[in-house]
PDB file of N, CA and C in Angstrom:
ATOM      1  N   MET A   1    -100.416  37.734 -50.898  1.00  0.00           N
ATOM      2  CA  MET A   1     -99.739  37.170 -51.387  1.00  0.00           C
ATOM      3  C   MET A   1     -99.748  35.755 -50.716  1.00  0.00           C
ATOM      4  N   THR A   2     -99.410  35.104 -51.634  1.00  0.00           N
ATOM      5  CA  THR A   2     -99.328  33.730 -51.451  1.00  0.00           C
ATOM      6  C   THR A   2     -98.099  32.574 -50.932  1.00  0.00           C
ATOM      7  N   THR A   3     -98.430  32.072 -49.416  1.00  0.00           N
ATOM      8  CA  THR A   3     -97.682  31.242 -49.299  1.00  0.00           C
ATOM      9  C   THR A   3     -97.355  29.681 -48.953  1.00  0.00           C
ATOM     10  N   THR A   4     -96.236  29.252 -49.093  1.00  0.00           N
ATOM     11  CA  THR A   4     -95.667  27.403 -48.788  1.00  0.00           C
ATOM     12  C   THR A   4     -95.912  27.671 -47.433  1.00  0.00           C
ATOM     13  N   GLN A   5     -96.616  26.248 -47.451  1.00  0.00           N
ATOM     14  CA  GLN A   5     -95.810  25.569 -45.719  1.00  0.00           C
ATOM     15  C   GLN A   5     -94.758  23.823 -46.438  1.00  0.00           C
ATOM     16  N   VAL A   6     -93.976  24.418 -45.991  1.00  0.00           N
ATOM     17  CA  VAL A   6     -92.749  23.091 -46.150  1.00  0.00           C
ATOM     18  C   VAL A   6     -92.849  22.838 -45.210  1.00  0.00           C
ATOM     19  N   THR A   7     -92.372  20.969 -45.432  1.00  0.00           N
ATOM     20  CA  THR A   7     -92.091  20.276 -44.252  1.00  0.00           C
ATOM     21  C   THR A   7     -91.221  19.817 -44.404  1.00  0.00           C
ATOM     22  N   LEU A   8     -90.301  19.983 -43.528  1.00  0.00           N
ATOM     23  CA  LEU A   8     -88.955  19.041 -43.306  1.00  0.00           C
ATOM     24  C   LEU A   8     -88.837  17.577 -42.723  1.00  0.00           C
ATOM     25  N   VAL A   9     -88.640  16.348 -43.809  1.00  0.00           N
ATOM     26  CA  VAL A   9     -89.120  15.141 -42.862  1.00  0.00           C
ATOM     27  C   VAL A   9     -86.942  14.617 -43.078  1.00  0.00           C
ATOM     28  N   GLN A  10     -87.397  13.748 -41.456  1.00  0.00           N
ATOM     29  CA  GLN A  10     -86.099  13.403 -41.199  1.00  0.00           C
ATOM     30  C   GLN A  10     -85.747  12.189 -41.019  1.00  0.00           C
ATOM     31  N   ILE A  11     -85.144  11.006 -40.828  1.00  0.00           N
ATOM     32  CA  ILE A  11     -85.837  10.227 -40.391  1.00  0.00           C
ATOM     33  C   ILE A  11     -84.254   9.925 -39.726  1.00  0.00           C
ATOM     34  N   ASP A  12     -84.708   9.714 -38.322  1.00  0.00           N
ATOM     35  CA  ASP A  12     -84.109   9.539 -36.599  1.00  0.00           C
ATOM     36  C   ASP A  12     -83.375   8.153 -36.953  1.00  0.00           C
ATOM     37  N   ASN A  13     -82.535   8.214 -36.171  1.00  0.00           N
ATOM     38  CA  ASN A  13     -81.365   7.575 -35.752  1.00  0.00           C
ATOM     39  C   ASN A  13     -81.237   6.553 -36.890  1.00  0.00           C
ATOM     40  N   TYR A  14     -81.042   7.103 -38.626  1.00  0.00           N
ATOM     41  CA  TYR A  14     -80.808   5.797 -39.150  1.00  0.00           C
ATOM     42  C   TYR A  14     -80.007   5.490 -39.674  1.00  0.00           C
ATOM     43  N   GLY A  15     -78.426   6.641 -39.088  1.00  0.00           N
ATOM     44  CA  GLY A  15     -77.328   5.832 -39.634  1.00  0.00           C
ATOM     45  C   GLY A  15     -76.658   4.637 -38.436  1.00  0.00           C
ATOM     46  N   PRO A  16     -77.251   4.659 -37.194  1.00  0.00           N
ATOM     47  CA  PRO A  16     -76.851   3.321 -36.295  1.00  0.00           C
ATOM     48  C   PRO A  16     -77.736   2.688 -36.553  1.00  0.00           C
ATOM     49  N   TRP A  17     -78.832   2.684 -37.339  1.00  0.00           N
ATOM     50  CA  TRP A  17     -79.686   1.710 -37.586  1.00  0.00           C
ATOM     51  C   TRP A  17     -79.324   0.849 -38.219  1.00  0.00           C
ATOM     52  N   THR A  18     -78.780   1.199 -39.235  1.00  0.00           N
ATOM     53  CA  THR A  18     -77.734   0.764 -40.551  1.00  0.00           C
ATOM     54  C   THR A  18     -76.771   0.220 -40.462  1.00  0.00           C
ATOM     55  N   THR A  19     -76.062   0.650 -39.455  1.00  0.00           N
ATOM     56  CA  THR A  19     -74.962  -0.661 -38.629  1.00  0.00           C
ATOM     57  C   THR A  19     -74.753  -1.294 -37.106  1.00  0.00           C
ATOM     58  N   THR A  20     -76.256  -1.433 -37.183  1.00  0.00           N
ATOM     59  CA  THR A  20     -76.148  -2.307 -35.459  1.00  0.00           C
ATOM     60  C   THR A  20     -77.816  -3.297 -35.831  1.00  0.00           C
ATOM     61  N   PRO A  21     -77.686  -4.790 -35.449  1.00  0.00           N
ATOM     62  CA  PRO A  21     -76.334  -5.308 -34.539  1.00  0.00           C
ATOM     63  C   PRO A  21     -75.465  -4.857 -35.563  1.00  0.00           C
ATOM     64  N   GLU A  22     -75.551  -5.233 -36.973  1.00  0.00           N
ATOM     65  CA  GLU A  22     -74.335  -5.262 -38.254  1.00  0.00           C
ATOM     66  C   GLU A  22     -74.926  -4.691 -39.218  1.00  0.00           C
ATOM     67  N   PRO A  23     -73.359  -4.340 -39.783  1.00  0.00           N
ATOM     68  CA  PRO A  23     -73.711  -3.407 -40.937  1.00  0.00           C
ATOM     69  C   PRO A  23     -75.631  -4.559 -42.034  1.00  0.00           C
ATOM     70  N   ARG A  24     -76.080  -3.396 -41.811  1.00  0.00           N
ATOM     71  CA  ARG A  24     -77.516  -4.287 -43.145  1.00  0.00           C
ATOM     72  C   ARG A  24     -76.294  -3.908 -44.427  1.00  0.00           C
ATOM     73  N   ARG A  25     -77.281  -4.903 -45.192  1.00  0.00           N
ATOM     74  CA  ARG A  25     -77.172  -4.895 -46.747  1.00  0.00           C
ATOM     75  C   ARG A  25     -77.913  -3.761 -47.223  1.00  0.00           C
ATOM     76  N   GLU A  26     -77.024  -3.255 -48.817  1.00  0.00           N
ATOM     77  CA  GLU A  26     -77.604  -2.027 -49.278  1.00  0.00           C
ATOM     78  C   GLU A  26     -78.641  -2.441 -50.320  1.00  0.00           C
ATOM     79  N   MET A  27     -79.175  -3.216 -50.193  1.00  0.00           N
ATOM     80  CA  MET A  27     -80.448  -3.864 -50.756  1.00  0.00           C
ATOM     81  C   MET A  27     -81.803  -3.497 -49.243  1.00  0.00           C
ATOM     82  N   ASP A  28     -81.207  -4.296 -48.275  1.00  0.00           N
ATOM     83  CA  ASP A  28     -82.192  -3.842 -47.000  1.00  0.00           C
ATOM     84  C   ASP A  28     -82.638  -2.069 -46.543  1.00  0.00           C
ATOM     85  N   LEU A  29     -81.116  -1.224 -46.693  1.00  0.00           N
ATOM     86  CA  LEU A  29     -81.656   0.344 -47.134  1.00  0.00           C
ATOM     87  C   LEU A  29     -82.356   0.076 -47.556  1.00  0.00           C
ATOM     88  N   GLN A  30     -81.567   0.342 -49.306  1.00  0.00           N
ATOM     89  CA  GLN A  30     -82.783   1.022 -50.230  1.00  0.00           C
ATOM     90  C   GLN A  30     -84.279   0.472 -49.904  1.00  0.00           C
ATOM     91  N   THR A  31     -84.545  -0.617 -49.551  1.00  0.00           N
ATOM     92  CA  THR A  31     -86.304  -1.208 -49.600  1.00  0.00           C
ATOM     93  C   THR A  31     -86.720  -0.722 -48.799  1.00  0.00           C
ATOM     94  N   LEU A  32     -85.824  -0.088 -47.286  1.00  0.00           N
ATOM     95  CA  LEU A  32     -86.618   0.751 -46.214  1.00  0.00           C
ATOM     96  C   LEU A  32     -86.638   1.410 -46.945  1.00  0.00           C
ATOM     97  N   GLN A  33     -86.087   2.826 -47.519  1.00  0.00           N
ATOM     98  CA  GLN A  33     -85.761   3.816 -47.761  1.00  0.00           C
ATOM     99  C   GLN A  33     -86.751   4.347 -48.592  1.00  0.00           C
ATOM    100  N   SER A  34     -86.781   2.862 -49.728  1.00  0.00           N
ATOM    101  CA  SER A  34     -88.105   3.626 -50.488  1.00  0.00           C
ATOM    102  C   SER A  34     -89.470   3.247 -50.056  1.00  0.00           C
ATOM    103  N   ARG A  35     -89.859   2.294 -49.329  1.00  0.00           N
ATOM    104  CA  ARG A  35     -91.109   1.819 -48.514  1.00  0.00           C
ATOM    105  C   ARG A  35     -91.603   3.264 -48.009  1.00  0.00           C
ATOM    106  N   LEU A  36     -90.557   3.972 -46.753  1.00  0.00           N
ATOM    107  CA  LEU A  36     -90.695   5.031 -45.914  1.00  0.00           C
ATOM    108  C   LEU A  36     -91.018   5.823 -47.200  1.00  0.00           C
ATOM    109  N   PHE A  37     -90.490   6.077 -48.471  1.00  0.00           N
ATOM    110  CA  PHE A  37     -90.983   7.341 -49.566  1.00  0.00           C
ATOM    111  C   PHE A  37     -92.356   7.387 -49.216  1.00  0.00           C
ATOM    112  N   ALA A  38     -92.535   5.866 -50.107  1.00  0.00           N
ATOM    113  CA  ALA A  38     -94.276   5.845 -50.581  1.00  0.00           C
ATOM    114  C   ALA A  38     -95.005   5.604 -49.688  1.00  0.00           C
ATOM    115  N   ASP A  39     -94.726   5.512 -48.474  1.00  0.00           N
ATOM    116  CA  ASP A  39     -96.299   5.766 -47.410  1.00  0.00           C
ATOM    117  C   ASP A  39     -95.740   7.343 -46.935  1.00  0.00           C
ATOM    118  N   ILE A  40     -94.609   7.905 -47.130  1.00  0.00           N
ATOM    119  CA  ILE A  40     -95.113   9.103 -46.688  1.00  0.00           C
ATOM    120  C   ILE A  40     -95.965  10.176 -48.179  1.00  0.00           C
ATOM    121  N   ALA A  41     -95.777   9.818 -49.276  1.00  0.00           N
ATOM    122  CA  ALA A  41     -96.194  10.192 -50.282  1.00  0.00           C
ATOM    123  C   ALA A  41     -97.415  10.013 -50.510  1.00  0.00           C
ATOM    124  N   GLN A  42     -97.946   8.565 -49.936  1.00  0.00           N
ATOM    125  CA  GLN A  42     -98.769   8.099 -49.768  1.00  0.00           C
ATOM    126  C   GLN A  42     -99.888   8.906 -48.707  1.00  0.00           C
ATOM    127  N   PHE A  43     -99.294   9.033 -47.709  1.00  0.00           N
ATOM    128  CA  PHE A  43     -99.960   9.573 -46.150  1.00  0.00           C
ATOM    129  C   PHE A  43    -100.222  11.325 -46.824  1.00  0.00           C
ATOM    130  N   VAL A  44     -99.856  11.900 -47.562  1.00  0.00           N
ATOM    131  CA  VAL A  44     -99.763  13.077 -47.524  1.00  0.00           C
ATOM    132  C   VAL A  44    -100.425  13.471 -48.857  1.00  0.00           C
ATOM    133  N   GLY A  45    -100.180  12.857 -50.023  1.00  0.00           N
ATOM    134  CA  GLY A  45    -101.130  12.926 -50.907  1.00  0.00           C
ATOM    135  C   GLY A  45    -102.633  12.710 -50.751  1.00  0.00           C
ATOM    136  N   HIS A  46    -103.095  12.048 -50.236  1.00  0.00           N
ATOM    137  CA  HIS A  46    -104.425  11.703 -50.072  1.00  0.00           C
ATOM    138  C   HIS A  46    -104.825  13.451 -49.331  1.00  0.00           C
ATOM    139  N   ARG A  47    -103.719  14.291 -48.794  1.00  0.00           N
ATOM    140  CA  ARG A  47    -104.318  15.284 -48.425  1.00  0.00           C
ATOM    141  C   ARG A  47    -103.808  16.784 -49.498  1.00  0.00           C
ATOM    142  N   ASP A  48    -103.617  16.276 -50.579  1.00  0.00           N
ATOM    143  CA  ASP A  48    -103.249  17.114 -51.820  1.00  0.00           C
ATOM    144  C   ASP A  48    -101.749  18.213 -51.792  1.00  0.00           C
ATOM    145  N   ALA A  49    -101.230  17.293 -51.342  1.00  0.00           N
ATOM    146  CA  ALA A  49     -99.611  17.091 -50.478  1.00  0.00           C
ATOM    147  C   ALA A  49     -98.704  16.990 -51.402  1.00  0.00           C
ATOM    148  N   TYR A  50     -97.558  17.707 -51.157  1.00  0.00           N
ATOM    149  CA  TYR A  50     -96.989  16.318 -51.942  1.00  0.00           C
ATOM    150  C   TYR A  50     -95.138  16.077 -51.550  1.00  0.00           C
ATOM    151  N   VAL A  51     -94.576  15.017 -51.691  1.00  0.00           N
ATOM    152  CA  VAL A  51     -93.350  14.984 -51.169  1.00  0.00           C
ATOM    153  C   VAL A  51     -92.184  14.463 -52.227  1.00  0.00           C
ATOM    154  N   PHE A  52     -90.907  15.055 -51.980  1.00  0.00           N
ATOM    155  CA  PHE A  52     -90.002  14.848 -53.175  1.00  0.00           C
ATOM    156  C   PHE A  52     -88.816  14.865 -51.822  1.00  0.00           C
ATOM    157  N   PHE A  53     -88.190  13.953 -52.307  1.00  0.00           N
ATOM    158  CA  PHE A  53     -86.604  12.947 -51.577  1.00  0.00           C
ATOM    159  C   PHE A  53     -85.546  13.706 -52.404  1.00  0.00           C
ATOM    160  N   THR A  54     -84.627  13.705 -50.922  1.00  0.00           N
ATOM    161  CA  THR A  54     -83.491  14.535 -51.782  1.00  0.00           C
ATOM    162  C   THR A  54     -82.745  13.402 -51.754  1.00  0.00           C
ATOM    163  N   ARG A  55     -82.335  12.954 -50.179  1.00  0.00           N
ATOM    164  CA  ARG A  55     -81.412  12.026 -49.725  1.00  0.00           C
ATOM    165  C   ARG A  55     -82.325  11.037 -49.176  1.00  0.00           C
ATOM    166  N   PHE A  56     -82.594   9.822 -49.454  1.00  0.00           N
ATOM    167  CA  PHE A  56     -83.333   9.125 -48.414  1.00  0.00           C
ATOM    168  C   PHE A  56     -84.322   9.461 -47.049  1.00  0.00           C
ATOM    169  N   ASP A  57     -83.039   9.729 -46.081  1.00  0.00           N
ATOM    170  CA  ASP A  57     -82.717  10.072 -45.139  1.00  0.00           C
ATOM    171  C   ASP A  57     -83.177  11.249 -44.337  1.00  0.00           C
ATOM    172  N   ASN A  58     -83.704  11.781 -45.709  1.00  0.00           N
ATOM    173  CA  ASN A  58     -84.310  13.394 -45.788  1.00  0.00           C
ATOM    174  C   ASN A  58     -85.083  13.780 -47.011  1.00  0.00           C
ATOM    175  N   MET A  59     -86.393  14.052 -46.770  1.00  0.00           N
ATOM    176  CA  MET A  59     -87.573  14.379 -47.591  1.00  0.00           C
ATOM    177  C   MET A  59     -88.078  16.100 -47.857  1.00  0.00           C
ATOM    178  N   ILE A  60     -88.263  16.581 -48.030  1.00  0.00           N
ATOM    179  CA  ILE A  60     -89.250  17.774 -48.251  1.00  0.00           C
ATOM    180  C   ILE A  60     -90.207  17.829 -48.763  1.00  0.00           C
ATOM    181  N   ALA A  61     -91.196  18.234 -47.941  1.00  0.00           N
ATOM    182  CA  ALA A  61     -93.293  18.308 -48.283  1.00  0.00           C
ATOM    183  C   ALA A  61     -93.693  19.339 -49.003  1.00  0.00           C
ATOM    184  N   VAL A  62     -94.668  19.629 -49.224  1.00  0.00           N
ATOM    185  CA  VAL A  62     -95.338  20.859 -49.452  1.00  0.00           C
ATOM    186  C   VAL A  62     -96.289  20.804 -48.661  1.00  0.00           C
ATOM    187  N   THR A  63     -96.993  20.989 -47.845  1.00  0.00           N
ATOM    188  CA  THR A  63     -97.922  20.252 -46.353  1.00  0.00           C
ATOM    189  C   THR A  63     -99.131  21.898 -46.501  1.00  0.00           C
ATOM    190  N   ASN A  64     -99.252  22.482 -47.553  1.00  0.00           N
ATOM    191  CA  ASN A  64    -100.468  23.245 -47.227  1.00  0.00           C
ATOM    192  C   ASN A  64    -101.341  22.878 -47.161  1.00  0.00           C
ATOM    193  N   GLY A  65    -101.930  23.134 -46.270  1.00  0.00           N
ATOM    194  CA  GLY A  65    -103.271  22.378 -45.875  1.00  0.00           C
ATOM    195  C   GLY A  65    -103.505  21.317 -45.022  1.00  0.00           C
ATOM    196  N   VAL A  66    -102.262  21.197 -44.606  1.00  0.00           N
ATOM    197  CA  VAL A  66    -101.694  20.120 -43.485  1.00  0.00           C
ATOM    198  C   VAL A  66    -101.629  20.469 -42.229  1.00  0.00           C
ATOM    199  N   ASP A  67    -102.332  20.008 -41.312  1.00  0.00           N
ATOM    200  CA  ASP A  67    -102.450  20.335 -40.221  1.00  0.00           C
ATOM    201  C   ASP A  67    -100.840  19.508 -39.104  1.00  0.00           C
ATOM    202  N   ASP A  68    -100.689  19.921 -38.018  1.00  0.00           N
ATOM    203  CA  ASP A  68    -100.582  19.738 -37.114  1.00  0.00           C
ATOM    204  C   ASP A  68    -100.965  18.157 -36.295  1.00  0.00           C
ATOM    205  N   ALA A  69    -101.789  18.236 -36.407  1.00  0.00           N
ATOM    206  CA  ALA A  69    -102.634  16.669 -36.009  1.00  0.00           C
ATOM    207  C   ALA A  69    -102.542  15.551 -36.943  1.00  0.00           C
ATOM    208  N   ALA A  70    -102.418  16.023 -38.491  1.00  0.00           N
ATOM    209  CA  ALA A  70    -102.273  15.217 -39.652  1.00  0.00           C
ATOM    210  C   ALA A  70    -100.517  14.911 -39.761  1.00  0.00           C
ATOM    211  N   HIS A  71     -99.489  16.067 -38.867  1.00  0.00           N
ATOM    212  CA  HIS A  71     -98.844  15.695 -39.071  1.00  0.00           C
ATOM    213  C   HIS A  71     -97.753  14.504 -37.540  1.00  0.00           C
ATOM    214  N   ALA A  72     -98.501  14.632 -36.851  1.00  0.00           N
ATOM    215  CA  ALA A  72     -98.566  13.595 -35.940  1.00  0.00           C
ATOM    216  C   ALA A  72     -99.388  12.291 -35.496  1.00  0.00           C
ATOM    217  N   ALA A  73    -100.131  12.400 -36.889  1.00  0.00           N
ATOM    218  CA  ALA A  73    -100.850  10.827 -37.433  1.00  0.00           C
ATOM    219  C   ALA A  73     -99.958  10.419 -38.286  1.00  0.00           C
ATOM    220  N   LEU A  74     -99.533  10.715 -38.604  1.00  0.00           N
ATOM    221  CA  LEU A  74     -97.952  10.367 -39.769  1.00  0.00           C
ATOM    222  C   LEU A  74     -96.901  10.200 -39.073  1.00  0.00           C
ATOM    223  N   GLN A  75     -96.797  10.653 -37.945  1.00  0.00           N
ATOM    224  CA  GLN A  75     -95.160  10.542 -37.088  1.00  0.00           C
ATOM    225  C   GLN A  75     -95.775   8.968 -36.358  1.00  0.00           C
ATOM    226  N   GLU A  76     -96.723   8.699 -35.973  1.00  0.00           N
ATOM    227  CA  GLU A  76     -97.529   7.509 -35.456  1.00  0.00           C
ATOM    228  C   GLU A  76     -97.150   6.804 -36.777  1.00  0.00           C
ATOM    229  N   SER A  77     -97.745   6.660 -37.155  1.00  0.00           N
ATOM    230  CA  SER A  77     -98.077   5.865 -38.633  1.00  0.00           C
ATOM    231  C   SER A  77     -96.526   5.248 -38.682  1.00  0.00           C
ATOM    232  N   ILE A  78     -95.767   5.974 -38.735  1.00  0.00           N
ATOM    233  CA  ILE A  78     -94.641   5.575 -39.338  1.00  0.00           C
ATOM    234  C   ILE A  78     -93.551   4.981 -37.888  1.00  0.00           C
ATOM    235  N   GLY A  79     -94.559   5.043 -37.076  1.00  0.00           N
ATOM    236  CA  GLY A  79     -93.059   4.406 -35.821  1.00  0.00           C
ATOM    237  C   GLY A  79     -93.946   3.756 -35.095  1.00  0.00           C
ATOM    238  N   ASN A  80     -95.375   3.136 -35.926  1.00  0.00           N
ATOM    239  CA  ASN A  80     -96.254   1.402 -35.513  1.00  0.00           C
ATOM    240  C   ASN A  80     -95.592   0.725 -36.768  1.00  0.00           C
ATOM    241  N   ARG A  81     -94.725   1.337 -37.758  1.00  0.00           N
ATOM    242  CA  ARG A  81     -95.054  -0.100 -38.758  1.00  0.00           C
ATOM    243  C   ARG A  81     -93.150  -0.192 -38.905  1.00  0.00           C
ATOM    244  N   TYR A  82     -92.329   0.851 -38.661  1.00  0.00           N
ATOM    245  CA  TYR A  82     -90.733   1.011 -38.671  1.00  0.00           C
ATOM    246  C   TYR A  82     -90.009   0.586 -37.368  1.00  0.00           C
ATOM    247  N   PRO A  83     -88.660   0.610 -38.007  1.00  0.00           N
ATOM    248  CA  PRO A  83     -87.437   0.291 -36.982  1.00  0.00           C
ATOM    249  C   PRO A  83     -87.040   2.095 -36.510  1.00  0.00           C
ATOM    250  N   VAL A  84     -87.307   2.689 -37.564  1.00  0.00           N
ATOM    251  CA  VAL A  84     -87.199   4.336 -37.471  1.00  0.00           C
ATOM    252  C   VAL A  84     -88.553   4.787 -36.607  1.00  0.00           C
ATOM    253  N   SER A  85     -87.958   6.367 -36.572  1.00  0.00           N
ATOM    254  CA  SER A  85     -89.246   7.273 -36.061  1.00  0.00           C
ATOM    255  C   SER A  85     -88.701   8.412 -37.966  1.00  0.00           C
ATOM    256  N   ILE A  86     -89.166   9.409 -37.607  1.00  0.00           N
ATOM    257  CA  ILE A  86     -89.514  10.402 -38.441  1.00  0.00           C
ATOM    258  C   ILE A  86     -89.509  12.272 -37.051  1.00  0.00           C
ATOM    259  N   SER A  87     -88.679  12.976 -37.600  1.00  0.00           N
ATOM    260  CA  SER A  87     -89.004  13.932 -37.175  1.00  0.00           C
ATOM    261  C   SER A  87     -89.367  14.908 -37.900  1.00  0.00           C
ATOM    262  N   LEU A  88     -90.215  15.818 -37.827  1.00  0.00           N
ATOM    263  CA  LEU A  88     -90.971  16.811 -38.793  1.00  0.00           C
ATOM    264  C   LEU A  88     -90.441  18.898 -38.460  1.00  0.00           C
ATOM    265  N   GLY A  89     -89.811  19.244 -39.561  1.00  0.00           N
ATOM    266  CA  GLY A  89     -89.901  20.728 -38.826  1.00  0.00           C
ATOM    267  C   GLY A  89     -91.009  21.308 -40.094  1.00  0.00           C
ATOM    268  N   THR A  90     -91.860  22.205 -40.025  1.00  0.00           N
ATOM    269  CA  THR A  90     -93.146  22.350 -40.820  1.00  0.00           C
ATOM    270  C   THR A  90     -92.752  24.023 -40.342  1.00  0.00           C
ATOM    271  N   ALA A  91     -92.568  24.510 -41.786  1.00  0.00           N
ATOM    272  CA  ALA A  91     -93.069  26.490 -41.505  1.00  0.00           C
ATOM    273  C   ALA A  91     -94.116  27.031 -42.799  1.00  0.00           C
ATOM    274  N   VAL A  92     -93.875  28.210 -42.628  1.00  0.00           N
ATOM    275  CA  VAL A  92     -95.004  28.691 -43.598  1.00  0.00           C
ATOM    276  C   VAL A  92     -94.072  30.079 -44.139  1.00  0.00           C
ATOM    277  N   ASP A  93     -93.992  30.353 -45.255  1.00  0.00           N
ATOM    278  CA  ASP A  93     -93.120  31.936 -45.565  1.00  0.00           C
ATOM    279  C   ASP A  93     -93.866  32.139 -47.146  1.00  0.00           C
ATOM    280  N   GLU A  94     -93.989  33.120 -47.423  1.00  0.00           N
ATOM    281  CA  GLU A  94     -94.194  34.017 -48.885  1.00  0.00           C
ATOM    282  C   GLU A  94     -92.982  33.068 -50.025  1.00  0.00           C
ATOM    283  N   ARG A  95     -91.506  32.839 -49.489  1.00  0.00           N
ATOM    284  CA  ARG A  95     -91.031  32.564 -50.600  1.00  0.00           C
ATOM    285  C   ARG A  95     -90.686  30.549 -50.322  1.00  0.00           C
ATOM    286  N   PRO A  96     -90.933  29.510 -50.872  1.00  0.00           N
ATOM    287  CA  PRO A  96     -90.925  28.238 -50.416  1.00  0.00           C
ATOM    288  C   PRO A  96     -89.098  27.958 -50.067  1.00  0.00           C
ATOM    289  N   VAL A  97     -88.703  29.000 -50.458  1.00  0.00           N
ATOM    290  CA  VAL A  97     -86.516  28.042 -49.280  1.00  0.00           C
ATOM    291  C   VAL A  97     -86.380  29.332 -48.395  1.00  0.00           C
ATOM    292  N   ASP A  98     -87.296  29.993 -48.008  1.00  0.00           N
ATOM    293  CA  ASP A  98     -86.945  30.686 -46.557  1.00  0.00           C
ATOM    294  C   ASP A  98     -88.300  29.813 -45.654  1.00  0.00           C
ATOM    295  N   ALA A  99     -89.380  28.697 -46.001  1.00  0.00           N
ATOM    296  CA  ALA A  99     -89.708  28.143 -45.096  1.00  0.00           C
ATOM    297  C   ALA A  99     -89.146  26.887 -44.985  1.00  0.00           C
ATOM    298  N   LEU A 100     -88.403  26.051 -46.170  1.00  0.00           N
ATOM    299  CA  LEU A 100     -87.697  24.825 -46.364  1.00  0.00           C
ATOM    300  C   LEU A 100     -86.073  25.826 -44.769  1.00  0.00           C
ATOM    301  N   GLU A 101     -86.047  26.536 -44.651  1.00  0.00           N
ATOM    302  CA  GLU A 101     -84.844  26.823 -44.514  1.00  0.00           C
ATOM    303  C   GLU A 101     -85.266  27.186 -42.571  1.00  0.00           C
ATOM    304  N   ALA A 102     -86.064  27.955 -41.919  1.00  0.00           N
ATOM    305  CA  ALA A 102     -87.574  27.731 -40.987  1.00  0.00           C
ATOM    306  C   ALA A 102     -87.101  26.231 -40.412  1.00  0.00           C
ATOM    307  N   ALA A 103     -87.480  25.629 -41.190  1.00  0.00           N
ATOM    308  CA  ALA A 103     -88.464  24.022 -40.984  1.00  0.00           C
ATOM    309  C   ALA A 103     -86.694  23.348 -40.920  1.00  0.00           C
ATOM    310  N   ASN A 104     -85.924  23.382 -41.064  1.00  0.00           N
ATOM    311  CA  ASN A 104     -84.570  23.229 -41.039  1.00  0.00           C
ATOM    312  C   ASN A 104     -83.857  23.177 -39.881  1.00  0.00           C
ATOM    313  N   GLN A 105     -83.972  24.991 -39.630  1.00  0.00           N
ATOM    314  CA  GLN A 105     -83.615  24.997 -38.618  1.00  0.00           C
ATOM    315  C   GLN A 105     -84.589  24.851 -37.052  1.00  0.00           C
ATOM    316  N   GLN A 106     -85.158  24.461 -37.214  1.00  0.00           N
ATOM    317  CA  GLN A 106     -86.494  23.646 -36.019  1.00  0.00           C
ATOM    318  C   GLN A 106     -85.971  22.470 -35.979  1.00  0.00           C
ATOM    319  N   LEU A 107     -85.300  22.090 -36.743  1.00  0.00           N
ATOM    320  CA  LEU A 107     -84.831  20.434 -36.562  1.00  0.00           C
ATOM    321  C   LEU A 107     -83.880  20.622 -35.575  1.00  0.00           C
ATOM    322  N   GLN A 108     -82.742  21.440 -36.460  1.00  0.00           N
ATOM    323  CA  GLN A 108     -81.343  21.531 -36.178  1.00  0.00           C
ATOM    324  C   GLN A 108     -81.233  21.717 -34.772  1.00  0.00           C
ATOM    325  N   HIS A 109     -82.440  22.654 -34.642  1.00  0.00           N
ATOM    326  CA  HIS A 109     -82.325  23.310 -32.782  1.00  0.00           C
ATOM    327  C   HIS A 109     -82.471  21.949 -31.759  1.00  0.00           C
ATOM    328  N   GLU A 110     -82.906  21.274 -32.506  1.00  0.00           N
ATOM    329  CA  GLU A 110     -83.825  19.905 -31.708  1.00  0.00           C
ATOM    330  C   GLU A 110     -82.764  19.226 -31.233  1.00  0.00           C
ATOM    331  N   GLY A 111     -81.140  18.974 -32.374  1.00  0.00           N
ATOM    332  CA  GLY A 111     -80.339  18.061 -32.667  1.00  0.00           C
ATOM    333  C   GLY A 111     -80.597  17.760 -33.380  1.00  0.00           C
ATOM    334  N   SER A 112     -79.070  16.638 -33.993  1.00  0.00           N
ATOM    335  CA  SER A 112     -78.843  16.091 -35.170  1.00  0.00           C
ATOM    336  C   SER A 112     -80.081  14.841 -34.993  1.00  0.00           C
ATOM    337  N   ALA A 113     -80.184  14.176 -36.530  1.00  0.00           N
ATOM    338  CA  ALA A 113     -80.721  13.139 -36.755  1.00  0.00           C
ATOM    339  C   ALA A 113     -79.920  11.977 -36.109  1.00  0.00           C
ATOM    340  N   GLN A 114     -78.881  12.196 -36.186  1.00  0.00           N
ATOM    341  CA  GLN A 114     -77.709  10.287 -35.301  1.00  0.00           C
ATOM    342  C   GLN A 114     -78.368  10.720 -33.517  1.00  0.00           C
ATOM    343  N   ASP A 115     -78.786  11.965 -33.387  1.00  0.00           N
ATOM    344  CA  ASP A 115     -79.233  11.497 -31.990  1.00  0.00           C
ATOM    345  C   ASP A 115     -80.290  10.605 -31.427  1.00  0.00           C
ATOM    346  N   LYS A 116     -79.864  10.019 -30.651  1.00  0.00           N
ATOM    347  CA  LYS A 116     -80.973   8.532 -30.107  1.00  0.00           C
ATOM    348  C   LYS A 116     -81.418   9.327 -29.119  1.00  0.00           C
ATOM    349  N   ALA A 117     -81.363  10.320 -28.974  1.00  0.00           N
ATOM    350  CA  ALA A 117     -82.134  11.346 -27.634  1.00  0.00           C
ATOM    351  C   ALA A 117     -83.313  11.780 -28.475  1.00  0.00           C
ATOM    352  N   ARG A 118     -83.794  12.125 -29.736  1.00  0.00           N
ATOM    353  CA  ARG A 118     -84.068  12.979 -30.780  1.00  0.00           C
ATOM    354  C   ARG A 118     -85.236  11.582 -31.580  1.00  0.00           C
ATOM    355  N   THR A 119     -86.236  12.151 -31.276  1.00  0.00           N
ATOM    356  CA  THR A 119     -87.201  11.515 -31.918  1.00  0.00           C
ATOM    357  C   THR A 119     -88.422  11.461 -31.919  1.00  0.00           C
ATOM    358  N   GLU A 120     -89.153  11.862 -32.779  1.00  0.00           N
ATOM    359  CA  GLU A 120     -90.288  12.516 -33.166  1.00  0.00           C
ATOM    360  C   GLU A 120     -90.627  13.809 -32.962  1.00  0.00           C
ATOM    361  N   VAL A 121     -89.938  14.929 -33.595  1.00  0.00           N
ATOM    362  CA  VAL A 121     -90.203  15.838 -33.620  1.00  0.00           C
ATOM    363  C   VAL A 121     -90.865  16.567 -33.796  1.00  0.00           C
TER     364      VAL A 121
END
């Protein structure tokens, strides 16, 4: 039976970043979101994977064949170039919806995306 690897991408500490030290302009937020999505899409696309945005602070990627080292490299790349980091929950299942649920549970177990202590899960 075919399985699907799903990676849930969440921006860490995004809410506080949008308002600290003062509220940021909407176009600044949208620019960060679109560039981040484009960089993630390019990264996973070079590995024959796909990413889709749900809200721009959450993305879902189909990452069959993308290993832990590549996921860690993505986190490092984003962390080096953006004022936010990303956490990744990854799971494999026969049903993509079940893989997504398991990936979501991994991230929720580590705490909220708004928690300053949670970075690069």
